[in-house]
C-alpha cells in the first residue's frame, strides 16, 4: 500500500486523520498519520493490515447486499446512521470500525442507486 492508497482508504471510510490515527493506528499521533499519507514515512504493517481487513469486510458486505438486490430480496432500503451512537442502538455489539465500514457500504449503494437510505 502506498501513501495515496492510504489516504484513499481513509476517505472511503469517512474518517478524518485524527479518527484514523485513533482507531486504525491504535492511538498514534495524528502527525504520524500525516507523514504516512505524505509519503515521508513508511506506513506501519499493522496499519496496512487493519485497512486491508476493513476493505475486505466492506467488499463482502457490499457483495452480499448486491446479491440480495439482484435476487429481489428486501426492499432496497438501508439505514444510514449519522453518528456512532445511532449505529450502536441497532448494532449493540458493533464497534467504531464496524460503523465506518457500514456507512461506507451504505453510501456506495446509494451512489449507484441500488439502495435508498433511511
C-alpha atoms as a PDB file:
ATOM      1  CA  UNK A   1       0.000   0.000   0.000  1.00  0.00           C
ATOM      2  CA  UNK A   2       1.370   3.410  -0.869  1.00  0.00           C
ATOM      3  CA  UNK A   3       0.625   6.780   0.702  1.00  0.00           C
ATOM      4  CA  UNK A   4      -2.055   7.660  -1.858  1.00  0.00           C
ATOM      5  CA  UNK A   5      -3.873   4.383  -1.289  1.00  0.00           C
ATOM      6  CA  UNK A   6      -3.696   5.002   2.456  1.00  0.00           C
ATOM      7  CA  UNK A   7      -5.404   8.363   2.011  1.00  0.00           C
ATOM      8  CA  UNK A   8      -7.995   6.934  -0.387  1.00  0.00           C
ATOM      9  CA  UNK A   9      -8.981   4.168   2.033  1.00  0.00           C
ATOM     10  CA  UNK A  10      -9.178   6.566   4.962  1.00  0.00           C
ATOM     11  CA  UNK A  11     -11.545   8.741   2.965  1.00  0.00           C
ATOM     12  CA  UNK A  12     -13.537   5.734   1.733  1.00  0.00           C
ATOM     13  CA  UNK A  13     -14.358   5.036   5.368  1.00  0.00           C
ATOM     14  CA  UNK A  14     -15.320   8.660   6.088  1.00  0.00           C
ATOM     15  CA  UNK A  15     -12.528   9.075   8.604  1.00  0.00           C
ATOM     16  CA  UNK A  16     -10.532  12.184   9.287  1.00  0.00           C
ATOM     17  CA  UNK A  17      -6.857  11.896  10.175  1.00  0.00           C
ATOM     18  CA  UNK A  18      -7.491  12.046  13.915  1.00  0.00           C
ATOM     19  CA  UNK A  19     -10.052   9.228  13.762  1.00  0.00           C
ATOM     20  CA  UNK A  20      -7.766   7.085  11.617  1.00  0.00           C
ATOM     21  CA  UNK A  21      -4.836   7.603  13.968  1.00  0.00           C
ATOM     22  CA  UNK A  22      -7.002   6.704  16.966  1.00  0.00           C
ATOM     23  CA  UNK A  23      -8.967   3.736  15.634  1.00  0.00           C
ATOM     24  CA  UNK A  24      -6.780   2.258  12.904  1.00  0.00           C
ATOM     25  CA  UNK A  25      -3.302   3.096  14.202  1.00  0.00           C
ATOM     26  CA  UNK A  26      -4.234   2.371  17.835  1.00  0.00           C
ATOM     27  CA  UNK A  27      -3.839   5.882  19.155  1.00  0.00           C
ATOM     28  CA  UNK A  28      -0.873   7.017  17.087  1.00  0.00           C
ATOM     29  CA  UNK A  29      -0.259  10.735  16.835  1.00  0.00           C
ATOM     30  CA  UNK A  30      -2.133  12.491  14.036  1.00  0.00           C
ATOM     31  CA  UNK A  31       1.176  13.848  12.799  1.00  0.00           C
ATOM     32  CA  UNK A  32       2.412  10.291  12.231  1.00  0.00           C
ATOM     33  CA  UNK A  33      -0.604   9.607  10.046  1.00  0.00           C
ATOM     34  CA  UNK A  34       0.044  12.817   8.089  1.00  0.00           C
ATOM     35  CA  UNK A  35       3.619  11.702   7.463  1.00  0.00           C
ATOM     36  CA  UNK A  36       2.427   8.317   6.182  1.00  0.00           C
ATOM     37  CA  UNK A  37      -0.079   9.970   3.848  1.00  0.00           C
ATOM     38  CA  UNK A  38       2.531  12.391   2.541  1.00  0.00           C
ATOM     39  CA  UNK A  39       4.881   9.514   1.781  1.00  0.00           C
ATOM     40  CA  UNK A  40       7.528  10.932   4.136  1.00  0.00           C
ATOM     41  CA  UNK A  41       7.454   7.890   6.436  1.00  0.00           C
ATOM     42  CA  UNK A  42       6.738   4.221   5.696  1.00  0.00           C
ATOM     43  CA  UNK A  43       3.276   3.008   6.668  1.00  0.00           C
ATOM     44  CA  UNK A  44       3.405   0.505   9.568  1.00  0.00           C
ATOM     45  CA  UNK A  45       2.448  -3.042   8.683  1.00  0.00           C
ATOM     46  CA  UNK A  46      -0.300  -3.184  11.326  1.00  0.00           C
ATOM     47  CA  UNK A  47      -1.981  -0.112   9.791  1.00  0.00           C
ATOM     48  CA  UNK A  48      -1.863  -1.710   6.345  1.00  0.00           C
ATOM     49  CA  UNK A  49      -3.239  -4.972   7.766  1.00  0.00           C
ATOM     50  CA  UNK A  50      -6.127  -3.209   9.529  1.00  0.00           C
ATOM     51  CA  UNK A  51      -7.120  -1.204   6.456  1.00  0.00           C
ATOM     52  CA  UNK A  52      -6.828  -4.273   4.237  1.00  0.00           C
ATOM     53  CA  UNK A  53      -9.147  -6.191   6.561  1.00  0.00           C
ATOM     54  CA  UNK A  54     -11.600  -3.277   6.709  1.00  0.00           C
ATOM     55  CA  UNK A  55     -11.681  -3.112   2.922  1.00  0.00           C
ATOM     56  CA  UNK A  56     -12.190  -6.889   2.686  1.00  0.00           C
ATOM     57  CA  UNK A  57     -15.145  -6.715   5.106  1.00  0.00           C
ATOM     58  CA  UNK A  58     -16.559  -3.775   3.157  1.00  0.00           C
ATOM     59  CA  UNK A  59     -16.407  -5.731  -0.113  1.00  0.00           C
ATOM     60  CA  UNK A  60     -18.024  -8.772   1.496  1.00  0.00           C
ATOM     61  CA  UNK A  61     -20.920  -6.692   2.835  1.00  0.00           C
ATOM     62  CA  UNK A  62     -21.313  -4.848  -0.424  1.00  0.00           C
ATOM     63  CA  UNK A  63     -21.394  -8.069  -2.438  1.00  0.00           C
ATOM     64  CA  UNK A  64     -23.873  -9.712  -0.054  1.00  0.00           C
ATOM     65  CA  UNK A  65     -26.264  -6.782  -0.344  1.00  0.00           C
ATOM     66  CA  UNK A  66     -25.912  -6.599  -4.119  1.00  0.00           C
ATOM     67  CA  UNK A  67     -26.689 -10.317  -4.316  1.00  0.00           C
ATOM     68  CA  UNK A  68     -29.884  -9.758  -2.317  1.00  0.00           C
ATOM     69  CA  UNK A  69     -30.814  -6.857  -4.582  1.00  0.00           C
ATOM     70  CA  UNK A  70     -30.216  -8.998  -7.660  1.00  0.00           C
ATOM     71  CA  UNK A  71     -32.384 -11.745  -6.170  1.00  0.00           C
ATOM     72  CA  UNK A  72     -35.072  -9.193  -5.249  1.00  0.00           C
ATOM     73  CA  UNK A  73     -34.851  -9.960  -1.548  1.00  0.00           C
ATOM     74  CA  UNK A  74     -35.627  -6.985   0.649  1.00  0.00           C
ATOM     75  CA  UNK A  75     -36.979  -3.556  -0.075  1.00  0.00           C
ATOM     76  CA  UNK A  76     -33.762  -1.886  -1.263  1.00  0.00           C
ATOM     77  CA  UNK A  77     -33.730   0.462   1.712  1.00  0.00           C
ATOM     78  CA  UNK A  78     -30.733   0.660   4.006  1.00  0.00           C
ATOM     79  CA  UNK A  79     -30.377   2.534   7.247  1.00  0.00           C
ATOM     80  CA  UNK A  80     -27.844   5.313   7.413  1.00  0.00           C
ATOM     81  CA  UNK A  81     -26.543   6.163  10.860  1.00  0.00           C
ATOM     82  CA  UNK A  82     -25.440   9.805  11.165  1.00  0.00           C
ATOM     83  CA  UNK A  83     -23.410   9.065  14.260  1.00  0.00           C
ATOM     84  CA  UNK A  84     -21.893   6.187  16.167  1.00  0.00           C
ATOM     85  CA  UNK A  85     -24.476   6.356  18.971  1.00  0.00           C
ATOM     86  CA  UNK A  86     -27.310   5.799  16.463  1.00  0.00           C
ATOM     87  CA  UNK A  87     -25.447   2.823  14.992  1.00  0.00           C
ATOM     88  CA  UNK A  88     -24.998   1.301  18.460  1.00  0.00           C
ATOM     89  CA  UNK A  89     -28.744   1.466  19.164  1.00  0.00           C
ATOM     90  CA  UNK A  90     -29.251  -1.133  16.426  1.00  0.00           C
ATOM     91  CA  UNK A  91     -25.887  -2.907  16.353  1.00  0.00           C
ATOM     92  CA  UNK A  92     -25.154  -3.065  20.062  1.00  0.00           C
ATOM     93  CA  UNK A  93     -22.041  -5.201  19.578  1.00  0.00           C
ATOM     94  CA  UNK A  94     -20.703  -3.065  16.726  1.00  0.00           C
ATOM     95  CA  UNK A  95     -17.537  -1.088  17.246  1.00  0.00           C
ATOM     96  CA  UNK A  96     -16.408   2.188  15.705  1.00  0.00           C
ATOM     97  CA  UNK A  97     -14.645   0.476  12.804  1.00  0.00           C
ATOM     98  CA  UNK A  98     -17.744  -1.611  12.018  1.00  0.00           C
ATOM     99  CA  UNK A  99     -19.797   1.608  11.903  1.00  0.00           C
ATOM    100  CA  UNK A 100     -17.373   3.167   9.426  1.00  0.00           C
ATOM    101  CA  UNK A 101     -17.480   0.048   7.215  1.00  0.00           C
ATOM    102  CA  UNK A 102     -21.293   0.031   7.335  1.00  0.00           C
ATOM    103  CA  UNK A 103     -21.536   3.728   6.407  1.00  0.00           C
ATOM    104  CA  UNK A 104     -19.124   3.282   3.517  1.00  0.00           C
ATOM    105  CA  UNK A 105     -21.191   0.410   2.112  1.00  0.00           C
ATOM    106  CA  UNK A 106     -24.453   2.343   2.521  1.00  0.00           C
ATOM    107  CA  UNK A 107     -23.037   5.386   0.743  1.00  0.00           C
ATOM    108  CA  UNK A 108     -21.704   3.314  -2.156  1.00  0.00           C
ATOM    109  CA  UNK A 109     -25.002   1.510  -2.664  1.00  0.00           C
ATOM    110  CA  UNK A 110     -26.852   4.809  -2.576  1.00  0.00           C
ATOM    111  CA  UNK A 111     -24.400   6.399  -5.018  1.00  0.00           C
ATOM    112  CA  UNK A 112     -25.104   3.598  -7.503  1.00  0.00           C
ATOM    113  CA  UNK A 113     -28.866   3.944  -6.994  1.00  0.00           C
ATOM    114  CA  UNK A 114     -29.063   0.416  -5.583  1.00  0.00           C
ATOM    115  CA  UNK A 115     -30.425   1.412  -2.165  1.00  0.00           C
ATOM    116  CA  UNK A 116     -32.440   4.215  -0.687  1.00  0.00           C
ATOM    117  CA  UNK A 117     -31.244   5.460   2.681  1.00  0.00           C
ATOM    118  CA  UNK A 118     -33.490   5.826   5.689  1.00  0.00           C
END
